[in-house]
Amino acid sequence: MAAETVFGKIVAGEIPADIVAETERILAFRDIAPQAAVHLVVIPKTAEYANVTELAAGDPELLAELVAVAKRLAEQYANGEYRLIFNNGASAGQTVFHAHAHVLAGGLEERSLVGS
C-alpha cells in the first residue's frame, strides 16, 4: 500500500481543496502555491501509483483519463493553451509521491524554455 500523502488526504476529504473537476477516478483542484495564473493539479483518486511512470505502466487507461481531464480543464480555464507537467522523482521536483499532473497556463510569457 502506498504511503499516505497530502493528496490522499484531499481525496479522503480530510484536507480541504478548491475542487475544479471530479470523475469517478480523477480529482482536480487549484494548487495552493500557484506558479502561473492558472495552476491546477490533476490526480488519480487511487494512491497506488507514486509517479507518472508507475501510473503509465500500471493503468494506462487511468493516465489517459487524467490527461483528458487536464485537457478539458485547459479548455475551460485557459482557452485550450496550457503546459502539462509531470515531475517524476525528487531530483526532478516531485514533492508529493502520489501520481499527479500540473496544468499551467497564463503568466508564462516571460519564461523561456529553450529546447523544450
PDB file of N, CA and C in Angstrom:
ATOM      1  N   MET A   1       0.836  -1.188   0.000  1.00  0.00           N
ATOM      2  CA  MET A   1       0.000   0.000   0.000  1.00  0.00           C
ATOM      3  C   MET A   1       0.878   1.248   0.000  1.00  0.00           C
ATOM      4  N   ALA A   2       0.480   2.247  -0.776  1.00  0.00           N
ATOM      5  CA  ALA A   2       1.252   3.485  -0.867  1.00  0.00           C
ATOM      6  C   ALA A   2       1.159   4.271   0.432  1.00  0.00           C
ATOM      7  N   ALA A   3       2.213   5.009   0.709  1.00  0.00           N
ATOM      8  CA  ALA A   3       2.226   5.864   1.894  1.00  0.00           C
ATOM      9  C   ALA A   3       1.161   6.946   1.759  1.00  0.00           C
ATOM     10  N   GLU A   4       0.596   7.343   2.883  1.00  0.00           N
ATOM     11  CA  GLU A   4      -0.410   8.391   2.871  1.00  0.00           C
ATOM     12  C   GLU A   4       0.246   9.725   2.526  1.00  0.00           C
ATOM     13  N   THR A   5      -0.396  10.489   1.652  1.00  0.00           N
ATOM     14  CA  THR A   5       0.132  11.787   1.234  1.00  0.00           C
ATOM     15  C   THR A   5      -0.937  12.854   1.411  1.00  0.00           C
ATOM     16  N   VAL A   6      -0.551  14.092   1.232  1.00  0.00           N
ATOM     17  CA  VAL A   6      -1.499  15.191   1.282  1.00  0.00           C
ATOM     18  C   VAL A   6      -2.593  15.000   0.231  1.00  0.00           C
ATOM     19  N   PHE A   7      -2.247  14.450  -0.939  1.00  0.00           N
ATOM     20  CA  PHE A   7      -3.260  14.239  -1.971  1.00  0.00           C
ATOM     21  C   PHE A   7      -4.253  13.164  -1.552  1.00  0.00           C
ATOM     22  N   GLY A   8      -3.771  12.112  -0.912  1.00  0.00           N
ATOM     23  CA  GLY A   8      -4.669  11.089  -0.392  1.00  0.00           C
ATOM     24  C   GLY A   8      -5.622  11.669   0.640  1.00  0.00           C
ATOM     25  N   LYS A   9      -5.125  12.587   1.444  1.00  0.00           N
ATOM     26  CA  LYS A   9      -5.969  13.241   2.447  1.00  0.00           C
ATOM     27  C   LYS A   9      -6.994  14.164   1.794  1.00  0.00           C
ATOM     28  N   ILE A  10      -6.642  14.784   0.676  1.00  0.00           N
ATOM     29  CA  ILE A  10      -7.605  15.598  -0.070  1.00  0.00           C
ATOM     30  C   ILE A  10      -8.694  14.707  -0.643  1.00  0.00           C
ATOM     31  N   VAL A  11      -8.310  13.582  -1.238  1.00  0.00           N
ATOM     32  CA  VAL A  11      -9.286  12.640  -1.791  1.00  0.00           C
ATOM     33  C   VAL A  11     -10.231  12.159  -0.696  1.00  0.00           C
ATOM     34  N   ALA A  12      -9.689  11.886   0.491  1.00  0.00           N
ATOM     35  CA  ALA A  12     -10.494  11.386   1.615  1.00  0.00           C
ATOM     36  C   ALA A  12     -11.340  12.476   2.271  1.00  0.00           C
ATOM     37  N   GLY A  13     -11.138  13.733   1.872  1.00  0.00           N
ATOM     38  CA  GLY A  13     -11.891  14.831   2.465  1.00  0.00           C
ATOM     39  C   GLY A  13     -11.330  15.301   3.794  1.00  0.00           C
ATOM     40  N   GLU A  14     -10.129  14.844   4.145  1.00  0.00           N
ATOM     41  CA  GLU A  14      -9.510  15.238   5.409  1.00  0.00           C
ATOM     42  C   GLU A  14      -8.842  16.607   5.329  1.00  0.00           C
ATOM     43  N   ILE A  15      -8.471  17.014   4.134  1.00  0.00           N
ATOM     44  CA  ILE A  15      -7.872  18.330   3.896  1.00  0.00           C
ATOM     45  C   ILE A  15      -8.723  19.010   2.830  1.00  0.00           C
ATOM     46  N   PRO A  16      -9.155  20.252   3.070  1.00  0.00           N
ATOM     47  CA  PRO A  16      -9.969  20.937   2.062  1.00  0.00           C
ATOM     48  C   PRO A  16      -9.138  21.330   0.848  1.00  0.00           C
ATOM     49  N   ALA A  17      -9.812  21.396  -0.284  1.00  0.00           N
ATOM     50  CA  ALA A  17      -9.175  21.839  -1.525  1.00  0.00           C
ATOM     51  C   ALA A  17     -10.228  22.534  -2.375  1.00  0.00           C
ATOM     52  N   ASP A  18      -9.769  23.420  -3.251  1.00  0.00           N
ATOM     53  CA  ASP A  18     -10.666  24.104  -4.180  1.00  0.00           C
ATOM     54  C   ASP A  18     -10.817  23.204  -5.410  1.00  0.00           C
ATOM     55  N   ILE A  19     -11.785  22.312  -5.344  1.00  0.00           N
ATOM     56  CA  ILE A  19     -12.008  21.300  -6.391  1.00  0.00           C
ATOM     57  C   ILE A  19     -12.576  21.976  -7.633  1.00  0.00           C
ATOM     58  N   VAL A  20     -11.980  21.674  -8.798  1.00  0.00           N
ATOM     59  CA  VAL A  20     -12.459  22.227 -10.062  1.00  0.00           C
ATOM     60  C   VAL A  20     -13.041  21.160 -10.983  1.00  0.00           C
ATOM     61  N   ALA A  21     -12.747  19.890 -10.715  1.00  0.00           N
ATOM     62  CA  ALA A  21     -13.310  18.797 -11.523  1.00  0.00           C
ATOM     63  C   ALA A  21     -13.184  17.500 -10.744  1.00  0.00           C
ATOM     64  N   GLU A  22     -14.134  16.604 -11.013  1.00  0.00           N
ATOM     65  CA  GLU A  22     -14.093  15.290 -10.380  1.00  0.00           C
ATOM     66  C   GLU A  22     -14.820  14.283 -11.256  1.00  0.00           C
ATOM     67  N   THR A  23     -14.197  13.132 -11.410  1.00  0.00           N
ATOM     68  CA  THR A  23     -14.841  11.996 -12.055  1.00  0.00           C
ATOM     69  C   THR A  23     -14.806  10.857 -11.037  1.00  0.00           C
ATOM     70  N   GLU A  24     -15.242   9.711 -11.437  1.00  0.00           N
ATOM     71  CA  GLU A  24     -15.200   8.560 -10.539  1.00  0.00           C
ATOM     72  C   GLU A  24     -13.773   8.236 -10.100  1.00  0.00           C
ATOM     73  N   ARG A  25     -12.781   8.476 -11.007  1.00  0.00           N
ATOM     74  CA  ARG A  25     -11.401   8.075 -10.705  1.00  0.00           C
ATOM     75  C   ARG A  25     -10.386   9.218 -10.655  1.00  0.00           C
ATOM     76  N   ILE A  26     -10.818  10.448 -10.956  1.00  0.00           N
ATOM     77  CA  ILE A  26      -9.904  11.593 -11.057  1.00  0.00           C
ATOM     78  C   ILE A  26     -10.437  12.749 -10.217  1.00  0.00           C
ATOM     79  N   LEU A  27      -9.511  13.501  -9.620  1.00  0.00           N
ATOM     80  CA  LEU A  27      -9.855  14.709  -8.873  1.00  0.00           C
ATOM     81  C   LEU A  27      -8.904  15.817  -9.332  1.00  0.00           C
ATOM     82  N   ALA A  28      -9.428  17.026  -9.501  1.00  0.00           N
ATOM     83  CA  ALA A  28      -8.601  18.167  -9.903  1.00  0.00           C
ATOM     84  C   ALA A  28      -8.929  19.349  -8.999  1.00  0.00           C
ATOM     85  N   PHE A  29      -7.872  20.076  -8.630  1.00  0.00           N
ATOM     86  CA  PHE A  29      -8.048  21.201  -7.718  1.00  0.00           C
ATOM     87  C   PHE A  29      -6.987  22.253  -7.988  1.00  0.00           C
ATOM     88  N   ARG A  30      -7.234  23.457  -7.473  1.00  0.00           N
ATOM     89  CA  ARG A  30      -6.266  24.547  -7.623  1.00  0.00           C
ATOM     90  C   ARG A  30      -5.059  24.283  -6.732  1.00  0.00           C
ATOM     91  N   ASP A  31      -3.873  24.565  -7.262  1.00  0.00           N
ATOM     92  CA  ASP A  31      -2.645  24.420  -6.489  1.00  0.00           C
ATOM     93  C   ASP A  31      -2.601  25.500  -5.407  1.00  0.00           C
ATOM     94  N   ILE A  32      -2.148  25.141  -4.201  1.00  0.00           N
ATOM     95  CA  ILE A  32      -2.116  26.120  -3.113  1.00  0.00           C
ATOM     96  C   ILE A  32      -0.943  27.098  -3.233  1.00  0.00           C
ATOM     97  N   ALA A  33       0.017  26.792  -4.085  1.00  0.00           N
ATOM     98  CA  ALA A  33       1.156  27.688  -4.322  1.00  0.00           C
ATOM     99  C   ALA A  33       1.331  27.849  -5.831  1.00  0.00           C
ATOM    100  N   PRO A  34       0.401  28.552  -6.485  1.00  0.00           N
ATOM    101  CA  PRO A  34       0.408  28.602  -7.955  1.00  0.00           C
ATOM    102  C   PRO A  34       1.670  29.219  -8.532  1.00  0.00           C
ATOM    103  N   GLN A  35       2.100  28.621  -9.646  1.00  0.00           N
ATOM    104  CA  GLN A  35       3.280  29.079 -10.372  1.00  0.00           C
ATOM    105  C   GLN A  35       2.901  29.799 -11.662  1.00  0.00           C
ATOM    106  N   ALA A  36       1.600  29.960 -11.910  1.00  0.00           N
ATOM    107  CA  ALA A  36       1.092  30.638 -13.100  1.00  0.00           C
ATOM    108  C   ALA A  36      -0.320  31.107 -12.783  1.00  0.00           C
ATOM    109  N   ALA A  37      -0.885  31.925 -13.665  1.00  0.00           N
ATOM    110  CA  ALA A  37      -2.237  32.433 -13.458  1.00  0.00           C
ATOM    111  C   ALA A  37      -3.242  31.286 -13.292  1.00  0.00           C
ATOM    112  N   VAL A  38      -3.078  30.257 -14.086  1.00  0.00           N
ATOM    113  CA  VAL A  38      -3.858  29.028 -13.941  1.00  0.00           C
ATOM    114  C   VAL A  38      -2.881  27.945 -13.524  1.00  0.00           C
ATOM    115  N   HIS A  39      -3.112  27.340 -12.367  1.00  0.00           N
ATOM    116  CA  HIS A  39      -2.264  26.243 -11.901  1.00  0.00           C
ATOM    117  C   HIS A  39      -3.172  25.257 -11.185  1.00  0.00           C
ATOM    118  N   LEU A  40      -3.494  24.180 -11.894  1.00  0.00           N
ATOM    119  CA  LEU A  40      -4.374  23.139 -11.380  1.00  0.00           C
ATOM    120  C   LEU A  40      -3.589  21.847 -11.229  1.00  0.00           C
ATOM    121  N   VAL A  41      -3.984  21.041 -10.262  1.00  0.00           N
ATOM    122  CA  VAL A  41      -3.368  19.742 -10.035  1.00  0.00           C
ATOM    123  C   VAL A  41      -4.425  18.684 -10.345  1.00  0.00           C
ATOM    124  N   VAL A  42      -4.050  17.701 -11.157  1.00  0.00           N
ATOM    125  CA  VAL A  42      -4.963  16.631 -11.550  1.00  0.00           C
ATOM    126  C   VAL A  42      -4.370  15.320 -11.051  1.00  0.00           C
ATOM    127  N   ILE A  43      -5.161  14.577 -10.254  1.00  0.00           N
ATOM    128  CA  ILE A  43      -4.652  13.356  -9.632  1.00  0.00           C
ATOM    129  C   ILE A  43      -5.623  12.196  -9.841  1.00  0.00           C
ATOM    130  N   PRO A  44      -5.088  10.974  -9.878  1.00  0.00           N
ATOM    131  CA  PRO A  44      -5.978   9.828  -9.748  1.00  0.00           C
ATOM    132  C   PRO A  44      -6.391   9.722  -8.283  1.00  0.00           C
ATOM    133  N   LYS A  45      -7.586   9.260  -8.036  1.00  0.00           N
ATOM    134  CA  LYS A  45      -8.042   9.126  -6.651  1.00  0.00           C
ATOM    135  C   LYS A  45      -7.299   8.009  -5.920  1.00  0.00           C
ATOM    136  N   THR A  46      -6.775   7.054  -6.659  1.00  0.00           N
ATOM    137  CA  THR A  46      -6.010   5.979  -6.041  1.00  0.00           C
ATOM    138  C   THR A  46      -4.603   6.460  -5.689  1.00  0.00           C
ATOM    139  N   ALA A  47      -4.108   6.000  -4.557  1.00  0.00           N
ATOM    140  CA  ALA A  47      -2.730   6.316  -4.151  1.00  0.00           C
ATOM    141  C   ALA A  47      -1.775   5.201  -4.538  1.00  0.00           C
ATOM    142  N   GLU A  48      -2.223   4.309  -5.389  1.00  0.00           N
ATOM    143  CA  GLU A  48      -1.435   3.133  -5.768  1.00  0.00           C
ATOM    144  C   GLU A  48      -0.158   3.479  -6.525  1.00  0.00           C
ATOM    145  N   TYR A  49      -0.156   4.620  -7.229  1.00  0.00           N
ATOM    146  CA  TYR A  49       0.972   4.969  -8.092  1.00  0.00           C
ATOM    147  C   TYR A  49       1.675   6.213  -7.558  1.00  0.00           C
ATOM    148  N   ALA A  50       2.961   6.101  -7.296  1.00  0.00           N
ATOM    149  CA  ALA A  50       3.731   7.212  -6.725  1.00  0.00           C
ATOM    150  C   ALA A  50       4.097   8.261  -7.763  1.00  0.00           C
ATOM    151  N   ASN A  51       4.144   7.883  -9.045  1.00  0.00           N
ATOM    152  CA  ASN A  51       4.560   8.826 -10.083  1.00  0.00           C
ATOM    153  C   ASN A  51       3.946   8.435 -11.418  1.00  0.00           C
ATOM    154  N   VAL A  52       4.148   9.272 -12.412  1.00  0.00           N
ATOM    155  CA  VAL A  52       3.528   9.058 -13.717  1.00  0.00           C
ATOM    156  C   VAL A  52       4.044   7.789 -14.398  1.00  0.00           C
ATOM    157  N   THR A  53       5.294   7.431 -14.182  1.00  0.00           N
ATOM    158  CA  THR A  53       5.843   6.221 -14.795  1.00  0.00           C
ATOM    159  C   THR A  53       5.132   4.984 -14.270  1.00  0.00           C
ATOM    160  N   GLU A  54       4.925   4.939 -12.957  1.00  0.00           N
ATOM    161  CA  GLU A  54       4.181   3.815 -12.365  1.00  0.00           C
ATOM    162  C   GLU A  54       2.742   3.795 -12.869  1.00  0.00           C
ATOM    163  N   LEU A  55       2.123   4.962 -12.968  1.00  0.00           N
ATOM    164  CA  LEU A  55       0.748   5.046 -13.459  1.00  0.00           C
ATOM    165  C   LEU A  55       0.653   4.557 -14.898  1.00  0.00           C
ATOM    166  N   ALA A  56       1.567   4.984 -15.744  1.00  0.00           N
ATOM    167  CA  ALA A  56       1.553   4.571 -17.156  1.00  0.00           C
ATOM    168  C   ALA A  56       1.709   3.064 -17.299  1.00  0.00           C
ATOM    169  N   ALA A  57       2.578   2.472 -16.484  1.00  0.00           N
ATOM    170  CA  ALA A  57       2.799   1.026 -16.557  1.00  0.00           C
ATOM    171  C   ALA A  57       1.645   0.251 -15.935  1.00  0.00           C
ATOM    172  N   GLY A  58       1.087   0.771 -14.849  1.00  0.00           N
ATOM    173  CA  GLY A  58       0.078   0.026 -14.105  1.00  0.00           C
ATOM    174  C   GLY A  58      -1.340   0.199 -14.589  1.00  0.00           C
ATOM    175  N   ASP A  59      -1.673   1.376 -15.136  1.00  0.00           N
ATOM    176  CA  ASP A  59      -3.051   1.643 -15.563  1.00  0.00           C
ATOM    177  C   ASP A  59      -3.050   2.728 -16.636  1.00  0.00           C
ATOM    178  N   PRO A  60      -2.658   2.380 -17.861  1.00  0.00           N
ATOM    179  CA  PRO A  60      -2.584   3.398 -18.916  1.00  0.00           C
ATOM    180  C   PRO A  60      -3.918   4.074 -19.197  1.00  0.00           C
ATOM    181  N   GLU A  61      -5.029   3.352 -18.985  1.00  0.00           N
ATOM    182  CA  GLU A  61      -6.339   3.963 -19.208  1.00  0.00           C
ATOM    183  C   GLU A  61      -6.604   5.078 -18.194  1.00  0.00           C
ATOM    184  N   LEU A  62      -6.157   4.884 -16.957  1.00  0.00           N
ATOM    185  CA  LEU A  62      -6.309   5.914 -15.943  1.00  0.00           C
ATOM    186  C   LEU A  62      -5.447   7.131 -16.285  1.00  0.00           C
ATOM    187  N   LEU A  63      -4.252   6.906 -16.783  1.00  0.00           N
ATOM    188  CA  LEU A  63      -3.400   8.012 -17.218  1.00  0.00           C
ATOM    189  C   LEU A  63      -4.069   8.765 -18.367  1.00  0.00           C
ATOM    190  N   ALA A  64      -4.662   8.049 -19.302  1.00  0.00           N
ATOM    191  CA  ALA A  64      -5.354   8.698 -20.419  1.00  0.00           C
ATOM    192  C   ALA A  64      -6.531   9.528 -19.907  1.00  0.00           C
ATOM    193  N   GLU A  65      -7.240   9.030 -18.913  1.00  0.00           N
ATOM    194  CA  GLU A  65      -8.349   9.788 -18.332  1.00  0.00           C
ATOM    195  C   GLU A  65      -7.831  11.048 -17.640  1.00  0.00           C
ATOM    196  N   LEU A  66      -6.726  10.937 -16.929  1.00  0.00           N
ATOM    197  CA  LEU A  66      -6.127  12.089 -16.256  1.00  0.00           C
ATOM    198  C   LEU A  66      -5.780  13.168 -17.285  1.00  0.00           C
ATOM    199  N   VAL A  67      -5.165  12.768 -18.392  1.00  0.00           N
ATOM    200  CA  VAL A  67      -4.792  13.722 -19.440  1.00  0.00           C
ATOM    201  C   VAL A  67      -6.044  14.330 -20.075  1.00  0.00           C
ATOM    202  N   ALA A  68      -7.082  13.539 -20.268  1.00  0.00           N
ATOM    203  CA  ALA A  68      -8.325  14.059 -20.849  1.00  0.00           C
ATOM    204  C   ALA A  68      -8.969  15.097 -19.925  1.00  0.00           C
ATOM    205  N   VAL A  69      -8.965  14.844 -18.624  1.00  0.00           N
ATOM    206  CA  VAL A  69      -9.499  15.816 -17.667  1.00  0.00           C
ATOM    207  C   VAL A  69      -8.648  17.090 -17.716  1.00  0.00           C
ATOM    208  N   ALA A  70      -7.335  16.946 -17.761  1.00  0.00           N
ATOM    209  CA  ALA A  70      -6.448  18.115 -17.847  1.00  0.00           C
ATOM    210  C   ALA A  70      -6.771  18.939 -19.090  1.00  0.00           C
ATOM    211  N   LYS A  71      -6.999  18.285 -20.209  1.00  0.00           N
ATOM    212  CA  LYS A  71      -7.322  18.976 -21.456  1.00  0.00           C
ATOM    213  C   LYS A  71      -8.639  19.735 -21.320  1.00  0.00           C
ATOM    214  N   ARG A  72      -9.652  19.093 -20.751  1.00  0.00           N
ATOM    215  CA  ARG A  72     -10.945  19.773 -20.552  1.00  0.00           C
ATOM    216  C   ARG A  72     -10.797  20.996 -19.647  1.00  0.00           C
ATOM    217  N   LEU A  73     -10.005  20.861 -18.602  1.00  0.00           N
ATOM    218  CA  LEU A  73      -9.779  21.996 -17.707  1.00  0.00           C
ATOM    219  C   LEU A  73      -9.066  23.135 -18.428  1.00  0.00           C
ATOM    220  N   ALA A  74      -8.089  22.795 -19.257  1.00  0.00           N
ATOM    221  CA  ALA A  74      -7.377  23.822 -20.024  1.00  0.00           C
ATOM    222  C   ALA A  74      -8.325  24.527 -20.984  1.00  0.00           C
ATOM    223  N   GLU A  75      -9.246  23.801 -21.568  1.00  0.00           N
ATOM    224  CA  GLU A  75     -10.236  24.428 -22.448  1.00  0.00           C
ATOM    225  C   GLU A  75     -11.119  25.380 -21.652  1.00  0.00           C
ATOM    226  N   GLN A  76     -11.480  24.980 -20.445  1.00  0.00           N
ATOM    227  CA  GLN A  76     -12.359  25.779 -19.597  1.00  0.00           C
ATOM    228  C   GLN A  76     -11.660  27.010 -19.014  1.00  0.00           C
ATOM    229  N   TYR A  77     -10.420  26.849 -18.558  1.00  0.00           N
ATOM    230  CA  TYR A  77      -9.727  27.903 -17.822  1.00  0.00           C
ATOM    231  C   TYR A  77      -8.668  28.654 -18.624  1.00  0.00           C
ATOM    232  N   ALA A  78      -8.264  28.118 -19.787  1.00  0.00           N
ATOM    233  CA  ALA A  78      -7.112  28.716 -20.476  1.00  0.00           C
ATOM    234  C   ALA A  78      -7.224  28.684 -21.999  1.00  0.00           C
ATOM    235  N   ASN A  79      -8.439  28.699 -22.525  1.00  0.00           N
ATOM    236  CA  ASN A  79      -8.632  28.696 -23.982  1.00  0.00           C
ATOM    237  C   ASN A  79      -7.897  27.556 -24.673  1.00  0.00           C
ATOM    238  N   GLY A  80      -7.669  26.464 -23.962  1.00  0.00           N
ATOM    239  CA  GLY A  80      -7.050  25.286 -24.551  1.00  0.00           C
ATOM    240  C   GLY A  80      -5.541  25.326 -24.674  1.00  0.00           C
ATOM    241  N   GLU A  81      -4.918  26.412 -24.237  1.00  0.00           N
ATOM    242  CA  GLU A  81      -3.463  26.523 -24.327  1.00  0.00           C
ATOM    243  C   GLU A  81      -2.877  26.338 -22.938  1.00  0.00           C
ATOM    244  N   TYR A  82      -1.994  25.353 -22.794  1.00  0.00           N
ATOM    245  CA  TYR A  82      -1.508  25.003 -21.456  1.00  0.00           C
ATOM    246  C   TYR A  82      -0.247  24.182 -21.526  1.00  0.00           C
ATOM    247  N   ARG A  83       0.401  24.071 -20.362  1.00  0.00           N
ATOM    248  CA  ARG A  83       1.511  23.137 -20.180  1.00  0.00           C
ATOM    249  C   ARG A  83       1.004  22.054 -19.250  1.00  0.00           C
ATOM    250  N   LEU A  84       1.342  20.832 -19.549  1.00  0.00           N
ATOM    251  CA  LEU A  84       1.002  19.699 -18.688  1.00  0.00           C
ATOM    252  C   LEU A  84       2.316  19.126 -18.182  1.00  0.00           C
ATOM    253  N   ILE A  85       2.519  19.222 -16.857  1.00  0.00           N
ATOM    254  CA  ILE A  85       3.814  18.873 -16.281  1.00  0.00           C
ATOM    255  C   ILE A  85       3.661  17.723 -15.300  1.00  0.00           C
ATOM    256  N   PHE A  86       4.513  16.716 -15.480  1.00  0.00           N
ATOM    257  CA  PHE A  86       4.641  15.611 -14.536  1.00  0.00           C
ATOM    258  C   PHE A  86       6.062  15.649 -13.995  1.00  0.00           C
ATOM    259  N   ASN A  87       6.230  15.850 -12.704  1.00  0.00           N
ATOM    260  CA  ASN A  87       7.548  15.735 -12.088  1.00  0.00           C
ATOM    261  C   ASN A  87       7.684  14.290 -11.638  1.00  0.00           C
ATOM    262  N   ASN A  88       8.781  13.649 -12.006  1.00  0.00           N
ATOM    263  CA  ASN A  88       8.955  12.227 -11.735  1.00  0.00           C
ATOM    264  C   ASN A  88      10.234  12.012 -10.930  1.00  0.00           C
ATOM    265  N   GLY A  89      10.105  11.999  -9.603  1.00  0.00           N
ATOM    266  CA  GLY A  89      11.246  11.801  -8.728  1.00  0.00           C
ATOM    267  C   GLY A  89      11.648  13.081  -8.019  1.00  0.00           C
ATOM    268  N   ALA A  90      12.243  12.923  -6.851  1.00  0.00           N
ATOM    269  CA  ALA A  90      12.607  14.060  -6.010  1.00  0.00           C
ATOM    270  C   ALA A  90      13.559  15.015  -6.721  1.00  0.00           C
ATOM    271  N   SER A  91      14.546  14.494  -7.432  1.00  0.00           N
ATOM    272  CA  SER A  91      15.510  15.380  -8.086  1.00  0.00           C
ATOM    273  C   SER A  91      14.896  16.118  -9.275  1.00  0.00           C
ATOM    274  N   ALA A  92      13.714  15.691  -9.710  1.00  0.00           N
ATOM    275  CA  ALA A  92      13.001  16.375 -10.785  1.00  0.00           C
ATOM    276  C   ALA A  92      11.945  17.330 -10.239  1.00  0.00           C
ATOM    277  N   GLY A  93      11.897  17.490  -8.917  1.00  0.00           N
ATOM    278  CA  GLY A  93      10.971  18.435  -8.317  1.00  0.00           C
ATOM    279  C   GLY A  93       9.706  17.824  -7.744  1.00  0.00           C
ATOM    280  N   GLN A  94       9.570  16.510  -7.799  1.00  0.00           N
ATOM    281  CA  GLN A  94       8.372  15.894  -7.228  1.00  0.00           C
ATOM    282  C   GLN A  94       8.474  15.933  -5.704  1.00  0.00           C
ATOM    283  N   THR A  95       7.449  16.503  -5.074  1.00  0.00           N
ATOM    284  CA  THR A  95       7.437  16.595  -3.612  1.00  0.00           C
ATOM    285  C   THR A  95       6.316  15.776  -2.986  1.00  0.00           C
ATOM    286  N   VAL A  96       5.291  15.436  -3.770  1.00  0.00           N
ATOM    287  CA  VAL A  96       4.207  14.580  -3.288  1.00  0.00           C
ATOM    288  C   VAL A  96       4.252  13.307  -4.121  1.00  0.00           C
ATOM    289  N   PHE A  97       4.451  12.187  -3.464  1.00  0.00           N
ATOM    290  CA  PHE A  97       4.643  10.926  -4.177  1.00  0.00           C
ATOM    291  C   PHE A  97       3.329  10.173  -4.321  1.00  0.00           C
ATOM    292  N   HIS A  98       2.442  10.842  -5.056  1.00  0.00           N
ATOM    293  CA  HIS A  98       1.136  10.360  -5.496  1.00  0.00           C
ATOM    294  C   HIS A  98       1.064  10.888  -6.921  1.00  0.00           C
ATOM    295  N   ALA A  99       0.949  10.015  -7.911  1.00  0.00           N
ATOM    296  CA  ALA A  99       0.975  10.448  -9.315  1.00  0.00           C
ATOM    297  C   ALA A  99       0.065  11.658  -9.516  1.00  0.00           C
ATOM    298  N   HIS A 100       0.563  12.660 -10.233  1.00  0.00           N
ATOM    299  CA  HIS A 100      -0.238  13.849 -10.484  1.00  0.00           C
ATOM    300  C   HIS A 100       0.369  14.665 -11.623  1.00  0.00           C
ATOM    301  N   ALA A 101      -0.475  15.502 -12.196  1.00  0.00           N
ATOM    302  CA  ALA A 101      -0.047  16.412 -13.257  1.00  0.00           C
ATOM    303  C   ALA A 101      -0.401  17.829 -12.858  1.00  0.00           C
ATOM    304  N   HIS A 102       0.420  18.769 -13.314  1.00  0.00           N
ATOM    305  CA  HIS A 102       0.152  20.184 -13.128  1.00  0.00           C
ATOM    306  C   HIS A 102      -0.298  20.754 -14.463  1.00  0.00           C
ATOM    307  N   VAL A 103      -1.423  21.456 -14.460  1.00  0.00           N
ATOM    308  CA  VAL A 103      -1.899  22.186 -15.630  1.00  0.00           C
ATOM    309  C   VAL A 103      -1.566  23.652 -15.378  1.00  0.00           C
ATOM    310  N   LEU A 104      -0.700  24.220 -16.214  1.00  0.00           N
ATOM    311  CA  LEU A 104      -0.275  25.614 -16.060  1.00  0.00           C
ATOM    312  C   LEU A 104      -0.616  26.397 -17.321  1.00  0.00           C
ATOM    313  N   ALA A 105      -1.107  27.609 -17.112  1.00  0.00           N
ATOM    314  CA  ALA A 105      -1.423  28.474 -18.248  1.00  0.00           C
ATOM    315  C   ALA A 105      -1.436  29.921 -17.784  1.00  0.00           C
ATOM    316  N   GLY A 106      -1.180  30.824 -18.704  1.00  0.00           N
ATOM    317  CA  GLY A 106      -1.200  32.244 -18.389  1.00  0.00           C
ATOM    318  C   GLY A 106      -0.014  32.628 -17.533  1.00  0.00           C
ATOM    319  N   GLY A 107       0.475  33.831 -17.697  1.00  0.00           N
ATOM    320  CA  GLY A 107       1.578  34.312 -16.893  1.00  0.00           C
ATOM    321  C   GLY A 107       2.895  33.613 -17.179  1.00  0.00           C
ATOM    322  N   LEU A 108       2.998  32.929 -18.307  1.00  0.00           N
ATOM    323  CA  LEU A 108       4.214  32.185 -18.643  1.00  0.00           C
ATOM    324  C   LEU A 108       5.042  32.900 -19.707  1.00  0.00           C
ATOM    325  N   GLU A 109       4.582  34.039 -20.170  1.00  0.00           N
ATOM    326  CA  GLU A 109       5.233  34.720 -21.286  1.00  0.00           C
ATOM    327  C   GLU A 109       6.703  35.014 -21.046  1.00  0.00           C
ATOM    328  N   GLU A 110       7.065  35.383 -19.804  1.00  0.00           N
ATOM    329  CA  GLU A 110       8.436  35.764 -19.523  1.00  0.00           C
ATOM    330  C   GLU A 110       9.362  34.559 -19.402  1.00  0.00           C
ATOM    331  N   ARG A 111       8.804  33.390 -19.236  1.00  0.00           N
ATOM    332  CA  ARG A 111       9.612  32.192 -19.012  1.00  0.00           C
ATOM    333  C   ARG A 111       9.963  31.553 -20.347  1.00  0.00           C
ATOM    334  N   SER A 112      11.233  31.433 -20.630  1.00  0.00           N
ATOM    335  CA  SER A 112      11.676  30.823 -21.868  1.00  0.00           C
ATOM    336  C   SER A 112      12.150  29.401 -21.583  1.00  0.00           C
ATOM    337  N   LEU A 113      11.674  28.481 -22.371  1.00  0.00           N
ATOM    338  CA  LEU A 113      12.090  27.086 -22.225  1.00  0.00           C
ATOM    339  C   LEU A 113      12.866  26.698 -23.463  1.00  0.00           C
ATOM    340  N   VAL A 114      14.109  27.035 -23.502  1.00  0.00           N
ATOM    341  CA  VAL A 114      14.968  26.772 -24.653  1.00  0.00           C
ATOM    342  C   VAL A 114      15.036  25.267 -24.896  1.00  0.00           C
ATOM    343  N   GLY A 115      14.730  24.864 -26.122  1.00  0.00           N
ATOM    344  CA  GLY A 115      14.823  23.469 -26.499  1.00  0.00           C
ATOM    345  C   GLY A 115      13.693  22.604 -26.006  1.00  0.00           C
ATOM    346  N   SER A 116      12.625  23.192 -25.435  1.00  0.00           N
ATOM    347  CA  SER A 116      11.545  22.351 -24.888  1.00  0.00           C
ATOM    348  C   SER A 116      10.517  21.976 -25.894  1.00  0.00           C
TER     349      SER A 116
END
